[in-house]
Amino acid sequence: MTAAVSSVAKPGPEKGRITGWHVLIAVVLFFGVVIGVDTVFMVKAYSTFSGEVASNPYEAGLAFNKTLDQRRRETALGWKTGVSTAGGQSVVVTVEDRAGKPLDHLSVTGVLERPATETGRQVLNFRPIGQGRYEAPARLDGAWDLRGAARNSGDMVEIETRLVTP
């Protein structure tokens, strides 16, 4: 009796079959691309905006007590200010005393700036139009921050507001 020898061939890897190594390489490549893109975006973000709001933050912090003193003087003075826009073409500031009487003969100055960027800054030249109102031509489209001041020979009130036009 002779023994029959059968040779059973082991199946080799099938073509197109995904193995654990394929999955590992795909996951490593995926996260490598994500981390690389995030790194590029972070470098671009930090190189274009420093994150500082003030050009001299240390000095501005030291001068904060002066700002608080100014706010106390404004509160004691009792002047009320209002800001409106006229058709997106001008800014109108109204100033009244504590009793609601319009204040004329003031010097009103102001600057319009975008909330998120320094581009497009507009210096406003206010002129009196009567009844405690002062008007300055401006190009208003979108959101703007108005920072200004109304003053006479001895007193001053600061004006800060956000203007949003369509």
C-alpha atoms as a PDB file:
ATOM      1  CA  MET A   1       0.000   0.000   0.000  1.00  0.00           C
ATOM      2  CA  THR A   2       1.229   3.248  -0.930  1.00  0.00           C
ATOM      3  CA  ALA A   3       0.300   6.381   0.764  1.00  0.00           C
ATOM      4  CA  ALA A   4      -1.020   9.077  -1.390  1.00  0.00           C
ATOM      5  CA  VAL A   5       0.737  12.323  -0.835  1.00  0.00           C
ATOM      6  CA  SER A   6      -1.382  15.277  -1.547  1.00  0.00           C
ATOM      7  CA  SER A   7       0.017  18.683  -1.643  1.00  0.00           C
ATOM      8  CA  VAL A   8      -2.349  21.339  -0.485  1.00  0.00           C
ATOM      9  CA  ALA A   9      -1.198  24.764  -1.482  1.00  0.00           C
ATOM     10  CA  LYS A  10      -1.674  27.548   1.044  1.00  0.00           C
ATOM     11  CA  PRO A  11      -3.768  30.322  -0.381  1.00  0.00           C
ATOM     12  CA  GLY A  12      -1.739  33.460  -1.037  1.00  0.00           C
ATOM     13  CA  PRO A  13      -2.922  36.972  -0.474  1.00  0.00           C
ATOM     14  CA  GLU A  14      -5.764  37.831  -2.740  1.00  0.00           C
ATOM     15  CA  LYS A  15      -5.283  40.750  -5.019  1.00  0.00           C
ATOM     16  CA  GLY A  16      -7.193  43.846  -3.763  1.00  0.00           C
ATOM     17  CA  ARG A  17      -7.646  42.523  -0.246  1.00  0.00           C
ATOM     18  CA  ILE A  18      -7.282  45.150   2.533  1.00  0.00           C
ATOM     19  CA  THR A  19      -5.031  44.031   5.339  1.00  0.00           C
ATOM     20  CA  GLY A  20      -4.205  45.521   8.704  1.00  0.00           C
ATOM     21  CA  TRP A  21      -1.088  47.150   7.276  1.00  0.00           C
ATOM     22  CA  HIS A  22      -3.160  48.958   4.665  1.00  0.00           C
ATOM     23  CA  VAL A  23      -5.479  50.325   7.356  1.00  0.00           C
ATOM     24  CA  LEU A  24      -2.543  51.418   9.519  1.00  0.00           C
ATOM     25  CA  ILE A  25      -0.895  53.264   6.623  1.00  0.00           C
ATOM     26  CA  ALA A  26      -4.186  54.947   5.677  1.00  0.00           C
ATOM     27  CA  VAL A  27      -4.818  56.154   9.258  1.00  0.00           C
ATOM     28  CA  VAL A  28      -1.250  57.454   9.655  1.00  0.00           C
ATOM     29  CA  LEU A  29      -1.439  59.290   6.300  1.00  0.00           C
ATOM     30  CA  PHE A  30      -4.846  60.758   7.133  1.00  0.00           C
ATOM     31  CA  PHE A  31      -3.736  62.205  10.460  1.00  0.00           C
ATOM     32  CA  GLY A  32      -0.442  63.327   8.937  1.00  0.00           C
ATOM     33  CA  VAL A  33      -2.312  65.392   6.347  1.00  0.00           C
ATOM     34  CA  VAL A  34      -4.694  66.844   8.975  1.00  0.00           C
ATOM     35  CA  ILE A  35      -1.822  67.825  11.289  1.00  0.00           C
ATOM     36  CA  GLY A  36       0.149  69.277   8.369  1.00  0.00           C
ATOM     37  CA  VAL A  37      -2.777  71.436   7.186  1.00  0.00           C
ATOM     38  CA  ASP A  38      -3.514  72.591  10.749  1.00  0.00           C
ATOM     39  CA  THR A  39       0.131  73.559  11.187  1.00  0.00           C
ATOM     40  CA  VAL A  40       0.092  75.630   7.996  1.00  0.00           C
ATOM     41  CA  PHE A  41      -3.100  77.420   9.110  1.00  0.00           C
ATOM     42  CA  MET A  42      -1.686  78.148  12.582  1.00  0.00           C
ATOM     43  CA  VAL A  43       1.533  79.589  11.157  1.00  0.00           C
ATOM     44  CA  LYS A  44      -0.464  81.781   8.761  1.00  0.00           C
ATOM     45  CA  ALA A  45      -2.789  82.945  11.549  1.00  0.00           C
ATOM     46  CA  TYR A  46       0.011  83.847  13.947  1.00  0.00           C
ATOM     47  CA  SER A  47       2.052  85.598  11.271  1.00  0.00           C
ATOM     48  CA  THR A  48      -0.843  87.812  10.128  1.00  0.00           C
ATOM     49  CA  PHE A  49      -2.374  88.822  13.502  1.00  0.00           C
ATOM     50  CA  SER A  50      -0.433  89.149  16.720  1.00  0.00           C
ATOM     51  CA  GLY A  51      -3.536  89.063  18.925  1.00  0.00           C
ATOM     52  CA  GLU A  52      -2.783  92.437  20.493  1.00  0.00           C
ATOM     53  CA  VAL A  53      -5.623  94.924  20.491  1.00  0.00           C
ATOM     54  CA  ALA A  54      -3.483  97.868  21.586  1.00  0.00           C
ATOM     55  CA  SER A  55      -0.140  98.729  20.056  1.00  0.00           C
ATOM     56  CA  ASN A  56       1.189  99.445  23.558  1.00  0.00           C
ATOM     57  CA  PRO A  57      -0.666  97.049  25.906  1.00  0.00           C
ATOM     58  CA  TYR A  58       1.641  97.512  28.894  1.00  0.00           C
ATOM     59  CA  GLU A  59       1.337 101.303  28.891  1.00  0.00           C
ATOM     60  CA  ALA A  60      -2.414 101.053  28.294  1.00  0.00           C
ATOM     61  CA  GLY A  61      -2.711  98.834  31.372  1.00  0.00           C
ATOM     62  CA  LEU A  62      -0.777 101.309  33.497  1.00  0.00           C
ATOM     63  CA  ALA A  63      -2.990 104.172  32.285  1.00  0.00           C
ATOM     64  CA  PHE A  64      -6.216 102.349  33.215  1.00  0.00           C
ATOM     65  CA  ASN A  65      -6.614 104.402  36.414  1.00  0.00           C
ATOM     66  CA  LYS A  66      -6.755 107.536  34.256  1.00  0.00           C
ATOM     67  CA  THR A  67      -9.546 105.909  32.267  1.00  0.00           C
ATOM     68  CA  LEU A  68     -11.467 105.154  35.461  1.00  0.00           C
ATOM     69  CA  ASP A  69     -11.032 108.772  36.628  1.00  0.00           C
ATOM     70  CA  GLN A  70     -12.356 110.016  33.273  1.00  0.00           C
ATOM     71  CA  ARG A  71     -15.411 107.759  33.607  1.00  0.00           C
ATOM     72  CA  ARG A  72     -16.114 109.186  37.082  1.00  0.00           C
ATOM     73  CA  ARG A  73     -15.866 112.764  35.761  1.00  0.00           C
ATOM     74  CA  GLU A  74     -18.258 111.891  32.915  1.00  0.00           C
ATOM     75  CA  THR A  75     -20.765 110.418  35.371  1.00  0.00           C
ATOM     76  CA  ALA A  76     -20.576 113.519  37.589  1.00  0.00           C
ATOM     77  CA  LEU A  77     -20.979 115.766  34.534  1.00  0.00           C
ATOM     78  CA  GLY A  78     -24.212 114.009  33.545  1.00  0.00           C
ATOM     79  CA  TRP A  79     -24.019 114.581  29.795  1.00  0.00           C
ATOM     80  CA  LYS A  80     -25.981 112.129  27.683  1.00  0.00           C
ATOM     81  CA  THR A  81     -24.935 111.204  24.160  1.00  0.00           C
ATOM     82  CA  GLY A  82     -26.787 109.478  21.385  1.00  0.00           C
ATOM     83  CA  VAL A  83     -25.532 108.256  18.033  1.00  0.00           C
ATOM     84  CA  SER A  84     -27.529 107.573  14.893  1.00  0.00           C
ATOM     85  CA  THR A  85     -26.880 107.132  11.201  1.00  0.00           C
ATOM     86  CA  ALA A  86     -28.525 108.974   8.360  1.00  0.00           C
ATOM     87  CA  GLY A  87     -29.016 106.648   5.419  1.00  0.00           C
ATOM     88  CA  GLY A  88     -25.571 105.098   5.683  1.00  0.00           C
ATOM     89  CA  GLN A  89     -24.062 108.389   4.512  1.00  0.00           C
ATOM     90  CA  SER A  90     -23.393 110.185   7.790  1.00  0.00           C
ATOM     91  CA  VAL A  91     -23.119 109.824  11.558  1.00  0.00           C
ATOM     92  CA  VAL A  92     -25.139 112.105  13.844  1.00  0.00           C
ATOM     93  CA  VAL A  93     -24.142 112.605  17.494  1.00  0.00           C
ATOM     94  CA  THR A  94     -26.590 114.227  19.924  1.00  0.00           C
ATOM     95  CA  VAL A  95     -25.341 115.673  23.237  1.00  0.00           C
ATOM     96  CA  GLU A  96     -27.603 116.776  26.109  1.00  0.00           C
ATOM     97  CA  ASP A  97     -26.916 117.935  29.639  1.00  0.00           C
ATOM     98  CA  ARG A  98     -28.277 116.284  32.795  1.00  0.00           C
ATOM     99  CA  ALA A  99     -31.639 118.070  32.404  1.00  0.00           C
ATOM    100  CA  GLY A 100     -32.034 117.000  28.755  1.00  0.00           C
ATOM    101  CA  LYS A 101     -31.159 120.427  27.320  1.00  0.00           C
ATOM    102  CA  PRO A 102     -29.230 120.198  24.018  1.00  0.00           C
ATOM    103  CA  LEU A 103     -25.582 121.242  24.261  1.00  0.00           C
ATOM    104  CA  ASP A 104     -24.344 123.413  21.413  1.00  0.00           C
ATOM    105  CA  HIS A 105     -20.896 124.933  20.862  1.00  0.00           C
ATOM    106  CA  LEU A 106     -19.015 121.707  21.528  1.00  0.00           C
ATOM    107  CA  SER A 107     -16.085 120.256  19.669  1.00  0.00           C
ATOM    108  CA  VAL A 108     -16.968 116.712  18.569  1.00  0.00           C
ATOM    109  CA  THR A 109     -14.361 114.401  17.100  1.00  0.00           C
ATOM    110  CA  GLY A 110     -14.498 110.751  16.173  1.00  0.00           C
ATOM    111  CA  VAL A 111     -13.010 107.775  14.390  1.00  0.00           C
ATOM    112  CA  LEU A 112     -14.783 104.831  12.757  1.00  0.00           C
ATOM    113  CA  GLU A 113     -12.980 101.489  12.742  1.00  0.00           C
ATOM    114  CA  ARG A 114     -13.976  97.976  11.759  1.00  0.00           C
ATOM    115  CA  PRO A 115     -14.461  95.661  14.770  1.00  0.00           C
ATOM    116  CA  ALA A 116     -12.070  92.983  13.535  1.00  0.00           C
ATOM    117  CA  THR A 117      -9.484  94.820  11.467  1.00  0.00           C
ATOM    118  CA  GLU A 118      -7.688  98.126  11.189  1.00  0.00           C
ATOM    119  CA  THR A 119      -8.363  98.571   7.482  1.00  0.00           C
ATOM    120  CA  GLY A 120     -10.885 101.156   6.351  1.00  0.00           C
ATOM    121  CA  ARG A 121     -10.405 103.530   9.291  1.00  0.00           C
ATOM    122  CA  GLN A 122     -12.351 106.791   8.870  1.00  0.00           C
ATOM    123  CA  VAL A 123     -11.634 110.038  10.715  1.00  0.00           C
ATOM    124  CA  LEU A 124     -14.880 111.968  11.182  1.00  0.00           C
ATOM    125  CA  ASN A 125     -15.133 115.741  10.947  1.00  0.00           C
ATOM    126  CA  PHE A 126     -18.292 116.687  12.851  1.00  0.00           C
ATOM    127  CA  ARG A 127     -20.050 119.980  12.227  1.00  0.00           C
ATOM    128  CA  PRO A 128     -22.869 121.391  14.364  1.00  0.00           C
ATOM    129  CA  ILE A 129     -26.357 121.199  12.839  1.00  0.00           C
ATOM    130  CA  GLY A 130     -28.269 122.657  15.812  1.00  0.00           C
ATOM    131  CA  GLN A 131     -30.237 121.368  18.807  1.00  0.00           C
ATOM    132  CA  GLY A 132     -27.144 119.679  20.271  1.00  0.00           C
ATOM    133  CA  ARG A 133     -26.634 117.591  17.128  1.00  0.00           C
ATOM    134  CA  TYR A 134     -23.383 117.183  15.240  1.00  0.00           C
ATOM    135  CA  GLU A 135     -23.039 115.470  11.860  1.00  0.00           C
ATOM    136  CA  ALA A 136     -20.104 113.997   9.953  1.00  0.00           C
ATOM    137  CA  PRO A 137     -20.121 112.381   6.510  1.00  0.00           C
ATOM    138  CA  ALA A 138     -19.101 108.715   6.581  1.00  0.00           C
ATOM    139  CA  ARG A 139     -19.204 105.604   4.427  1.00  0.00           C
ATOM    140  CA  LEU A 140     -21.224 103.124   6.479  1.00  0.00           C
ATOM    141  CA  ASP A 141     -21.576  99.562   5.229  1.00  0.00           C
ATOM    142  CA  GLY A 142     -21.702  96.765   7.769  1.00  0.00           C
ATOM    143  CA  ALA A 143     -20.365  96.977  11.316  1.00  0.00           C
ATOM    144  CA  TRP A 144     -18.269  99.900  12.587  1.00  0.00           C
ATOM    145  CA  ASP A 145     -17.006 100.944  16.028  1.00  0.00           C
ATOM    146  CA  LEU A 146     -17.286 104.674  16.729  1.00  0.00           C
ATOM    147  CA  ARG A 147     -14.841 106.166  19.219  1.00  0.00           C
ATOM    148  CA  GLY A 148     -15.141 109.851  19.781  1.00  0.00           C
ATOM    149  CA  ALA A 149     -15.284 112.716  22.239  1.00  0.00           C
ATOM    150  CA  ALA A 150     -17.473 115.743  22.797  1.00  0.00           C
ATOM    151  CA  ARG A 151     -15.829 118.572  24.698  1.00  0.00           C
ATOM    152  CA  ASN A 152     -16.054 122.227  25.587  1.00  0.00           C
ATOM    153  CA  SER A 153     -13.386 124.347  27.240  1.00  0.00           C
ATOM    154  CA  GLY A 154     -13.283 122.341  30.475  1.00  0.00           C
ATOM    155  CA  ASP A 155     -15.428 119.222  30.203  1.00  0.00           C
ATOM    156  CA  MET A 156     -15.361 116.131  28.044  1.00  0.00           C
ATOM    157  CA  VAL A 157     -17.408 113.000  27.480  1.00  0.00           C
ATOM    158  CA  GLU A 158     -16.212 109.993  25.500  1.00  0.00           C
ATOM    159  CA  ILE A 159     -18.437 108.319  22.932  1.00  0.00           C
ATOM    160  CA  GLU A 160     -18.072 104.605  22.191  1.00  0.00           C
ATOM    161  CA  THR A 161     -20.657 102.588  20.288  1.00  0.00           C
ATOM    162  CA  ARG A 162     -21.056 100.034  17.526  1.00  0.00           C
ATOM    163  CA  LEU A 163     -22.942 101.043  14.397  1.00  0.00           C
ATOM    164  CA  VAL A 164     -24.417  98.367  12.135  1.00  0.00           C
ATOM    165  CA  THR A 165     -25.943  99.264   8.784  1.00  0.00           C
ATOM    166  CA  PRO A 166     -27.183  96.951   6.042  1.00  0.00           C
END
